[in-house]
Amino acid sequence: MAGPHTAGLPFRALRLGLAIASPRAVALAVIVLICEWWFVPGALPGPTIFASTLTSRAPAPFPSGPVATIYLVRDDADAWRAVDDAMSGDAIAPALTETPDRVVLATFSHERHVAGIWGPWLEHEASHLKLQPLVGGEVPEPGPAPLRAAFADWFRSRGSPTYAALALQGGHKSSHLVWWGPLVDIAALGAMLVILLGLTRLALTRIYLGRCRSLAAGFCPRCRYDLRGVVLGDDGTGICPECGFRFATQEPV
């Protein structure tokens, strides 16, 4: 059975929270939420639960999905070269029609997602290089290493050394914790709690002021009974004879 001290603990905690939720604290909490709404989603590499609709304001550091699709063509010296859609049709058509057994369709994709509530807690990243020969179902000898090297050279020629390194590896998967994600969520939840307490404090203040106005006019704030003829007790309090509401001439704020 809870003792007298533990029984009043929730009430004391509520009074402390209402005392903390001053107008300045509520204004600061609103500023915190606005800052998180504006800055955090723009820094995310993918959507979280609450920030998913806001990430479109800023592009992700890396695109998510297929990055590039090119043809890799093997010449007579068994060296692989890249042929993409930006080149002329004269470079693509002969390779596809005359020597399709020497052509490999290469697709590099990159995915980056985060998991979290508002801020990211866990970040997942994965890239994959798919090699699909136009004729036959297997990559020709001596294997995928020369094809990866040719794709990496194509990325380097376009100023993408990061993708070049990933293509040379053939893809990778990684996951890591984001240290500032929990701090963002704690700040957001704390700000929302302060705003909620501030609204509760405002509602209680309006109720208190309305009760004071009713008592000052001589009416019961609960049932509007005329209290001007009610005799007060020795302790300065009185009881409404209509509804039993106990009132004092001066009540604490």
C-alpha atoms as a PDB file:
ATOM      1  CA  MET A   1       0.000   0.000   0.000  1.00  0.00           C
ATOM      2  CA  ALA A   2       1.402   3.379  -0.957  1.00  0.00           C
ATOM      3  CA  GLY A   3       2.331   5.719   1.864  1.00  0.00           C
ATOM      4  CA  PRO A   4       1.381   9.388   2.109  1.00  0.00           C
ATOM      5  CA  HIS A   5       4.616  10.504   0.452  1.00  0.00           C
ATOM      6  CA  THR A   6       4.396   8.179  -2.561  1.00  0.00           C
ATOM      7  CA  ALA A   7       0.664   8.804  -3.008  1.00  0.00           C
ATOM      8  CA  GLY A   8       1.272  12.520  -3.626  1.00  0.00           C
ATOM      9  CA  LEU A   9       4.269  12.006  -5.885  1.00  0.00           C
ATOM     10  CA  PRO A  10       2.340  12.218  -9.218  1.00  0.00           C
ATOM     11  CA  PHE A  11       0.581  15.377  -8.002  1.00  0.00           C
ATOM     12  CA  ARG A  12       3.882  16.976  -6.963  1.00  0.00           C
ATOM     13  CA  ALA A  13       5.428  15.999 -10.282  1.00  0.00           C
ATOM     14  CA  LEU A  14       2.503  17.594 -12.112  1.00  0.00           C
ATOM     15  CA  ARG A  15       2.797  20.803 -10.099  1.00  0.00           C
ATOM     16  CA  LEU A  16       6.540  20.901 -10.793  1.00  0.00           C
ATOM     17  CA  GLY A  17       5.900  20.369 -14.511  1.00  0.00           C
ATOM     18  CA  LEU A  18       3.309  23.132 -14.595  1.00  0.00           C
ATOM     19  CA  ALA A  19       5.727  25.447 -12.796  1.00  0.00           C
ATOM     20  CA  ILE A  20       8.449  24.670 -15.350  1.00  0.00           C
ATOM     21  CA  ALA A  21       6.109  25.200 -18.319  1.00  0.00           C
ATOM     22  CA  SER A  22       6.312  28.971 -18.181  1.00  0.00           C
ATOM     23  CA  PRO A  23       5.565  31.081 -21.272  1.00  0.00           C
ATOM     24  CA  ARG A  24       9.304  31.424 -21.923  1.00  0.00           C
ATOM     25  CA  ALA A  25       9.806  27.649 -21.670  1.00  0.00           C
ATOM     26  CA  VAL A  26       6.920  27.035 -24.067  1.00  0.00           C
ATOM     27  CA  ALA A  27       8.323  29.585 -26.530  1.00  0.00           C
ATOM     28  CA  LEU A  28      11.729  27.863 -26.347  1.00  0.00           C
ATOM     29  CA  ALA A  29      10.073  24.472 -26.929  1.00  0.00           C
ATOM     30  CA  VAL A  30       8.297  25.812 -30.012  1.00  0.00           C
ATOM     31  CA  ILE A  31      11.618  27.122 -31.342  1.00  0.00           C
ATOM     32  CA  VAL A  32      13.210  23.704 -30.762  1.00  0.00           C
ATOM     33  CA  LEU A  33      10.451  21.960 -32.733  1.00  0.00           C
ATOM     34  CA  ILE A  34      10.677  24.476 -35.578  1.00  0.00           C
ATOM     35  CA  CYS A  35      14.462  24.054 -35.774  1.00  0.00           C
ATOM     36  CA  GLU A  36      14.146  20.259 -35.820  1.00  0.00           C
ATOM     37  CA  TRP A  37      11.417  20.435 -38.443  1.00  0.00           C
ATOM     38  CA  TRP A  38      13.565  22.639 -40.669  1.00  0.00           C
ATOM     39  CA  PHE A  39      17.084  21.285 -40.212  1.00  0.00           C
ATOM     40  CA  VAL A  40      16.852  17.615 -39.248  1.00  0.00           C
ATOM     41  CA  PRO A  41      14.871  16.231 -42.232  1.00  0.00           C
ATOM     42  CA  GLY A  42      17.171  18.052 -44.636  1.00  0.00           C
ATOM     43  CA  ALA A  43      20.159  16.216 -43.152  1.00  0.00           C
ATOM     44  CA  LEU A  44      18.567  12.768 -43.344  1.00  0.00           C
ATOM     45  CA  PRO A  45      19.632  10.303 -46.039  1.00  0.00           C
ATOM     46  CA  GLY A  46      16.174   8.703 -45.976  1.00  0.00           C
ATOM     47  CA  PRO A  47      12.811   8.865 -44.264  1.00  0.00           C
ATOM     48  CA  THR A  48      12.062   8.117 -40.632  1.00  0.00           C
ATOM     49  CA  ILE A  49       8.592   7.636 -39.156  1.00  0.00           C
ATOM     50  CA  PHE A  50       7.657  11.307 -38.644  1.00  0.00           C
ATOM     51  CA  ALA A  51      10.092  12.965 -41.029  1.00  0.00           C
ATOM     52  CA  SER A  52       9.220  10.944 -44.137  1.00  0.00           C
ATOM     53  CA  THR A  53       7.082  13.694 -45.679  1.00  0.00           C
ATOM     54  CA  LEU A  54       9.739  16.351 -45.123  1.00  0.00           C
ATOM     55  CA  THR A  55      12.841  14.697 -46.608  1.00  0.00           C
ATOM     56  CA  SER A  56      11.818  15.763 -50.103  1.00  0.00           C
ATOM     57  CA  ARG A  57      12.885  19.311 -49.210  1.00  0.00           C
ATOM     58  CA  ALA A  58      16.537  18.349 -49.584  1.00  0.00           C
ATOM     59  CA  PRO A  59      18.126  15.706 -51.807  1.00  0.00           C
ATOM     60  CA  ALA A  60      19.779  12.729 -50.169  1.00  0.00           C
ATOM     61  CA  PRO A  61      23.609  12.692 -50.032  1.00  0.00           C
ATOM     62  CA  PHE A  62      23.478   9.671 -52.351  1.00  0.00           C
ATOM     63  CA  PRO A  63      20.621   8.792 -54.697  1.00  0.00           C
ATOM     64  CA  SER A  64      18.553   5.806 -53.693  1.00  0.00           C
ATOM     65  CA  GLY A  65      17.907   3.232 -56.416  1.00  0.00           C
ATOM     66  CA  PRO A  66      19.639   2.534 -59.741  1.00  0.00           C
ATOM     67  CA  VAL A  67      22.527   4.915 -60.273  1.00  0.00           C
ATOM     68  CA  ALA A  68      23.803   3.946 -63.720  1.00  0.00           C
ATOM     69  CA  THR A  69      23.166   1.359 -66.446  1.00  0.00           C
ATOM     70  CA  ILE A  70      25.744   0.925 -69.210  1.00  0.00           C
ATOM     71  CA  TYR A  71      26.981  -1.643 -71.703  1.00  0.00           C
ATOM     72  CA  LEU A  72      30.402  -3.236 -71.268  1.00  0.00           C
ATOM     73  CA  VAL A  73      31.842  -4.413 -74.577  1.00  0.00           C
ATOM     74  CA  ARG A  74      34.869  -6.707 -74.993  1.00  0.00           C
ATOM     75  CA  ASP A  75      37.135  -5.927 -77.919  1.00  0.00           C
ATOM     76  CA  ASP A  76      39.419  -8.247 -79.877  1.00  0.00           C
ATOM     77  CA  ALA A  77      42.199  -7.822 -77.316  1.00  0.00           C
ATOM     78  CA  ASP A  78      39.852  -9.070 -74.536  1.00  0.00           C
ATOM     79  CA  ALA A  79      39.767  -5.613 -72.965  1.00  0.00           C
ATOM     80  CA  TRP A  80      36.451  -4.227 -71.696  1.00  0.00           C
ATOM     81  CA  ARG A  81      35.217  -0.736 -72.534  1.00  0.00           C
ATOM     82  CA  ALA A  82      32.088   1.116 -71.425  1.00  0.00           C
ATOM     83  CA  VAL A  83      29.383   2.208 -73.873  1.00  0.00           C
ATOM     84  CA  ASP A  84      26.494   4.286 -72.510  1.00  0.00           C
ATOM     85  CA  ASP A  85      23.437   6.053 -73.875  1.00  0.00           C
ATOM     86  CA  ALA A  86      25.321   9.354 -74.096  1.00  0.00           C
ATOM     87  CA  MET A  87      27.467   7.944 -76.897  1.00  0.00           C
ATOM     88  CA  SER A  88      26.395   7.882 -80.506  1.00  0.00           C
ATOM     89  CA  GLY A  89      24.298   5.080 -81.920  1.00  0.00           C
ATOM     90  CA  ASP A  90      27.199   4.113 -84.196  1.00  0.00           C
ATOM     91  CA  ALA A  91      29.099   2.964 -81.088  1.00  0.00           C
ATOM     92  CA  ILE A  92      26.241   0.951 -79.600  1.00  0.00           C
ATOM     93  CA  ALA A  93      24.479  -0.612 -82.585  1.00  0.00           C
ATOM     94  CA  PRO A  94      27.414  -2.704 -83.961  1.00  0.00           C
ATOM     95  CA  ALA A  95      28.168  -4.121 -80.540  1.00  0.00           C
ATOM     96  CA  LEU A  96      24.554  -5.167 -79.941  1.00  0.00           C
ATOM     97  CA  THR A  97      23.943  -6.639 -83.406  1.00  0.00           C
ATOM     98  CA  GLU A  98      27.283  -8.007 -84.608  1.00  0.00           C
ATOM     99  CA  THR A  99      28.916  -9.297 -81.416  1.00  0.00           C
ATOM    100  CA  PRO A 100      26.190  -9.603 -78.724  1.00  0.00           C
ATOM    101  CA  ASP A 101      28.146 -12.425 -77.063  1.00  0.00           C
ATOM    102  CA  ARG A 102      30.759  -9.823 -76.100  1.00  0.00           C
ATOM    103  CA  VAL A 103      28.296  -7.414 -74.467  1.00  0.00           C
ATOM    104  CA  VAL A 104      27.351  -7.321 -70.792  1.00  0.00           C
ATOM    105  CA  LEU A 105      24.605  -5.082 -69.412  1.00  0.00           C
ATOM    106  CA  ALA A 106      25.901  -3.585 -66.150  1.00  0.00           C
ATOM    107  CA  THR A 107      23.615  -1.898 -63.589  1.00  0.00           C
ATOM    108  CA  PHE A 108      24.893  -0.260 -60.416  1.00  0.00           C
ATOM    109  CA  SER A 109      22.367   0.532 -57.684  1.00  0.00           C
ATOM    110  CA  HIS A 110      22.781   2.221 -54.333  1.00  0.00           C
ATOM    111  CA  GLU A 111      20.333   2.306 -51.408  1.00  0.00           C
ATOM    112  CA  ARG A 112      20.563   4.343 -48.228  1.00  0.00           C
ATOM    113  CA  HIS A 113      17.878   4.277 -45.542  1.00  0.00           C
ATOM    114  CA  VAL A 114      17.543   5.232 -41.908  1.00  0.00           C
ATOM    115  CA  ALA A 115      15.419   3.912 -39.063  1.00  0.00           C
ATOM    116  CA  GLY A 116      14.214   6.160 -36.277  1.00  0.00           C
ATOM    117  CA  ILE A 117      11.318   8.152 -34.884  1.00  0.00           C
ATOM    118  CA  TRP A 118      12.130  11.751 -35.845  1.00  0.00           C
ATOM    119  CA  GLY A 119      15.905  11.692 -35.964  1.00  0.00           C
ATOM    120  CA  PRO A 120      17.795   8.712 -37.400  1.00  0.00           C
ATOM    121  CA  TRP A 121      18.942   6.019 -34.968  1.00  0.00           C
ATOM    122  CA  LEU A 122      20.279   3.401 -37.382  1.00  0.00           C
ATOM    123  CA  GLU A 123      21.543   3.954 -40.920  1.00  0.00           C
ATOM    124  CA  HIS A 124      21.617   1.179 -43.530  1.00  0.00           C
ATOM    125  CA  GLU A 125      23.604   1.456 -46.751  1.00  0.00           C
ATOM    126  CA  ALA A 126      23.894  -1.070 -49.557  1.00  0.00           C
ATOM    127  CA  SER A 127      25.192  -1.034 -53.128  1.00  0.00           C
ATOM    128  CA  HIS A 128      25.050  -3.746 -55.753  1.00  0.00           C
ATOM    129  CA  LEU A 129      26.578  -4.290 -59.185  1.00  0.00           C
ATOM    130  CA  LYS A 130      24.524  -6.516 -61.491  1.00  0.00           C
ATOM    131  CA  LEU A 131      26.204  -7.980 -64.569  1.00  0.00           C
ATOM    132  CA  GLN A 132      23.872  -9.522 -67.160  1.00  0.00           C
ATOM    133  CA  PRO A 133      25.374 -10.916 -70.415  1.00  0.00           C
ATOM    134  CA  LEU A 134      23.196 -10.354 -73.475  1.00  0.00           C
ATOM    135  CA  VAL A 135      23.930 -13.886 -74.663  1.00  0.00           C
ATOM    136  CA  GLY A 136      24.122 -16.635 -72.076  1.00  0.00           C
ATOM    137  CA  GLY A 137      23.435 -16.449 -68.370  1.00  0.00           C
ATOM    138  CA  GLU A 138      26.970 -16.332 -66.970  1.00  0.00           C
ATOM    139  CA  VAL A 139      29.674 -13.694 -66.905  1.00  0.00           C
ATOM    140  CA  PRO A 140      32.356 -14.652 -69.428  1.00  0.00           C
ATOM    141  CA  GLU A 141      35.863 -15.546 -68.380  1.00  0.00           C
ATOM    142  CA  PRO A 142      38.054 -14.400 -66.702  1.00  0.00           C
ATOM    143  CA  GLY A 143      35.194 -13.409 -64.394  1.00  0.00           C
ATOM    144  CA  PRO A 144      33.659 -10.190 -63.069  1.00  0.00           C
ATOM    145  CA  ALA A 145      36.885  -8.464 -61.966  1.00  0.00           C
ATOM    146  CA  PRO A 146      37.697  -6.873 -65.374  1.00  0.00           C
ATOM    147  CA  LEU A 147      34.058  -5.837 -65.757  1.00  0.00           C
ATOM    148  CA  ARG A 148      34.106  -4.141 -62.350  1.00  0.00           C
ATOM    149  CA  ALA A 149      37.328  -2.355 -63.276  1.00  0.00           C
ATOM    150  CA  ALA A 150      35.798  -1.086 -66.537  1.00  0.00           C
ATOM    151  CA  PHE A 151      32.704   0.180 -64.715  1.00  0.00           C
ATOM    152  CA  ALA A 152      34.925   1.855 -62.086  1.00  0.00           C
ATOM    153  CA  ASP A 153      36.903   3.612 -64.838  1.00  0.00           C
ATOM    154  CA  TRP A 154      33.614   4.837 -66.320  1.00  0.00           C
ATOM    155  CA  PHE A 155      32.604   6.326 -62.945  1.00  0.00           C
ATOM    156  CA  ARG A 156      36.009   8.003 -62.551  1.00  0.00           C
ATOM    157  CA  SER A 157      35.703   9.563 -66.003  1.00  0.00           C
ATOM    158  CA  ARG A 158      32.501  11.200 -64.775  1.00  0.00           C
ATOM    159  CA  GLY A 159      33.950  12.507 -61.540  1.00  0.00           C
ATOM    160  CA  SER A 160      32.449   9.923 -59.155  1.00  0.00           C
ATOM    161  CA  PRO A 161      35.369   8.340 -57.276  1.00  0.00           C
ATOM    162  CA  THR A 162      33.073   7.118 -54.471  1.00  0.00           C
ATOM    163  CA  TYR A 163      30.922   5.120 -56.867  1.00  0.00           C
ATOM    164  CA  ALA A 164      34.046   3.957 -58.662  1.00  0.00           C
ATOM    165  CA  ALA A 165      35.360   2.413 -55.445  1.00  0.00           C
ATOM    166  CA  LEU A 166      32.003   0.756 -54.726  1.00  0.00           C
ATOM    167  CA  ALA A 167      31.729  -0.603 -58.269  1.00  0.00           C
ATOM    168  CA  LEU A 168      35.255  -2.015 -58.030  1.00  0.00           C
ATOM    169  CA  GLN A 169      34.184  -3.918 -54.909  1.00  0.00           C
ATOM    170  CA  GLY A 170      31.067  -5.200 -56.613  1.00  0.00           C
ATOM    171  CA  GLY A 171      28.877  -3.708 -53.905  1.00  0.00           C
ATOM    172  CA  HIS A 172      28.750  -3.656 -50.126  1.00  0.00           C
ATOM    173  CA  LYS A 173      26.410  -3.547 -47.123  1.00  0.00           C
ATOM    174  CA  SER A 174      26.895  -1.604 -43.909  1.00  0.00           C
ATOM    175  CA  SER A 175      24.903  -0.429 -40.882  1.00  0.00           C
ATOM    176  CA  HIS A 176      25.910   1.969 -38.146  1.00  0.00           C
ATOM    177  CA  LEU A 177      24.349   3.882 -35.289  1.00  0.00           C
ATOM    178  CA  VAL A 178      23.755   7.624 -35.578  1.00  0.00           C
ATOM    179  CA  TRP A 179      24.765   9.138 -32.229  1.00  0.00           C
ATOM    180  CA  TRP A 180      22.751  12.343 -32.564  1.00  0.00           C
ATOM    181  CA  GLY A 181      19.491  10.631 -33.514  1.00  0.00           C
ATOM    182  CA  PRO A 182      18.379   9.753 -29.939  1.00  0.00           C
ATOM    183  CA  LEU A 183      19.307  13.265 -28.786  1.00  0.00           C
ATOM    184  CA  VAL A 184      17.038  14.756 -31.459  1.00  0.00           C
ATOM    185  CA  ASP A 185      14.150  12.517 -30.396  1.00  0.00           C
ATOM    186  CA  ILE A 186      14.654  13.312 -26.698  1.00  0.00           C
ATOM    187  CA  ALA A 187      14.673  17.048 -27.475  1.00  0.00           C
ATOM    188  CA  ALA A 188      11.531  16.729 -29.623  1.00  0.00           C
ATOM    189  CA  LEU A 189       9.631  14.681 -27.028  1.00  0.00           C
ATOM    190  CA  GLY A 190      10.737  17.053 -24.257  1.00  0.00           C
ATOM    191  CA  ALA A 191       9.613  20.075 -26.274  1.00  0.00           C
ATOM    192  CA  MET A 192       6.215  18.494 -26.965  1.00  0.00           C
ATOM    193  CA  LEU A 193       5.826  17.671 -23.265  1.00  0.00           C
ATOM    194  CA  VAL A 194       6.627  21.271 -22.281  1.00  0.00           C
ATOM    195  CA  ILE A 195       4.093  22.567 -24.823  1.00  0.00           C
ATOM    196  CA  LEU A 196       1.452  20.149 -23.501  1.00  0.00           C
ATOM    197  CA  LEU A 197       2.124  21.248 -19.917  1.00  0.00           C
ATOM    198  CA  GLY A 198       2.002  24.873 -21.045  1.00  0.00           C
ATOM    199  CA  LEU A 199      -1.430  24.347 -22.604  1.00  0.00           C
ATOM    200  CA  THR A 200      -2.577  22.589 -19.412  1.00  0.00           C
ATOM    201  CA  ARG A 201      -1.286  25.501 -17.348  1.00  0.00           C
ATOM    202  CA  LEU A 202      -3.125  27.950 -19.599  1.00  0.00           C
ATOM    203  CA  ALA A 203      -6.382  25.994 -19.249  1.00  0.00           C
ATOM    204  CA  LEU A 204      -6.040  25.784 -15.455  1.00  0.00           C
ATOM    205  CA  THR A 205      -5.255  29.499 -15.279  1.00  0.00           C
ATOM    206  CA  ARG A 206      -8.394  30.329 -17.265  1.00  0.00           C
ATOM    207  CA  ILE A 207     -10.459  28.100 -14.954  1.00  0.00           C
ATOM    208  CA  TYR A 208      -8.923  29.728 -11.876  1.00  0.00           C
ATOM    209  CA  LEU A 209      -9.497  33.262 -13.161  1.00  0.00           C
ATOM    210  CA  GLY A 210     -13.090  32.420 -14.057  1.00  0.00           C
ATOM    211  CA  ARG A 211     -13.643  31.039 -10.562  1.00  0.00           C
ATOM    212  CA  CYS A 212     -12.143  34.161  -9.029  1.00  0.00           C
ATOM    213  CA  ARG A 213     -14.408  36.379 -11.124  1.00  0.00           C
ATOM    214  CA  SER A 214     -17.456  34.354 -10.083  1.00  0.00           C
ATOM    215  CA  LEU A 215     -16.519  34.539  -6.402  1.00  0.00           C
ATOM    216  CA  ALA A 216     -15.776  38.259  -6.688  1.00  0.00           C
ATOM    217  CA  ALA A 217     -19.262  38.743  -8.141  1.00  0.00           C
ATOM    218  CA  GLY A 218     -20.745  36.709  -5.265  1.00  0.00           C
ATOM    219  CA  PHE A 219     -21.723  33.582  -7.215  1.00  0.00           C
ATOM    220  CA  CYS A 220     -20.678  29.954  -6.920  1.00  0.00           C
ATOM    221  CA  PRO A 221     -18.273  29.121  -9.782  1.00  0.00           C
ATOM    222  CA  ARG A 222     -19.753  25.615 -10.067  1.00  0.00           C
ATOM    223  CA  CYS A 223     -23.549  26.162 -10.009  1.00  0.00           C
ATOM    224  CA  ARG A 224     -23.845  29.982 -10.101  1.00  0.00           C
ATOM    225  CA  TYR A 225     -25.718  30.050  -6.780  1.00  0.00           C
ATOM    226  CA  ASP A 226     -25.785  33.431  -5.018  1.00  0.00           C
ATOM    227  CA  LEU A 227     -23.221  33.205  -2.175  1.00  0.00           C
ATOM    228  CA  ARG A 228     -23.550  36.734  -0.875  1.00  0.00           C
ATOM    229  CA  GLY A 229     -25.587  35.585   2.131  1.00  0.00           C
ATOM    230  CA  VAL A 230     -23.432  32.584   3.046  1.00  0.00           C
ATOM    231  CA  VAL A 231     -21.705  32.868   6.434  1.00  0.00           C
ATOM    232  CA  LEU A 232     -17.985  32.012   6.374  1.00  0.00           C
ATOM    233  CA  GLY A 233     -16.374  29.793   8.965  1.00  0.00           C
ATOM    234  CA  ASP A 234     -13.617  30.697  11.376  1.00  0.00           C
ATOM    235  CA  ASP A 235     -11.004  29.597   8.853  1.00  0.00           C
ATOM    236  CA  GLY A 236     -12.362  32.008   6.221  1.00  0.00           C
ATOM    237  CA  THR A 237     -13.942  29.329   4.036  1.00  0.00           C
ATOM    238  CA  GLY A 238     -17.547  28.741   3.122  1.00  0.00           C
ATOM    239  CA  ILE A 239     -19.686  26.017   1.524  1.00  0.00           C
ATOM    240  CA  CYS A 240     -22.200  26.549  -1.253  1.00  0.00           C
ATOM    241  CA  PRO A 241     -25.577  25.355   0.078  1.00  0.00           C
ATOM    242  CA  GLU A 242     -26.643  24.351  -3.440  1.00  0.00           C
ATOM    243  CA  CYS A 243     -23.778  22.106  -4.641  1.00  0.00           C
ATOM    244  CA  GLY A 244     -21.419  21.868  -1.664  1.00  0.00           C
ATOM    245  CA  PHE A 245     -18.538  23.710  -3.364  1.00  0.00           C
ATOM    246  CA  ARG A 246     -16.020  24.869  -0.742  1.00  0.00           C
ATOM    247  CA  PHE A 247     -14.592  28.309  -1.342  1.00  0.00           C
ATOM    248  CA  ALA A 248     -12.342  30.788   0.415  1.00  0.00           C
ATOM    249  CA  THR A 249     -12.192  34.520   0.400  1.00  0.00           C
ATOM    250  CA  GLN A 250      -8.591  34.359  -0.882  1.00  0.00           C
ATOM    251  CA  GLU A 251      -7.470  31.210  -2.676  1.00  0.00           C
ATOM    252  CA  PRO A 252      -3.834  30.395  -3.496  1.00  0.00           C
ATOM    253  CA  VAL A 253      -2.737  30.730  -7.093  1.00  0.00           C
END
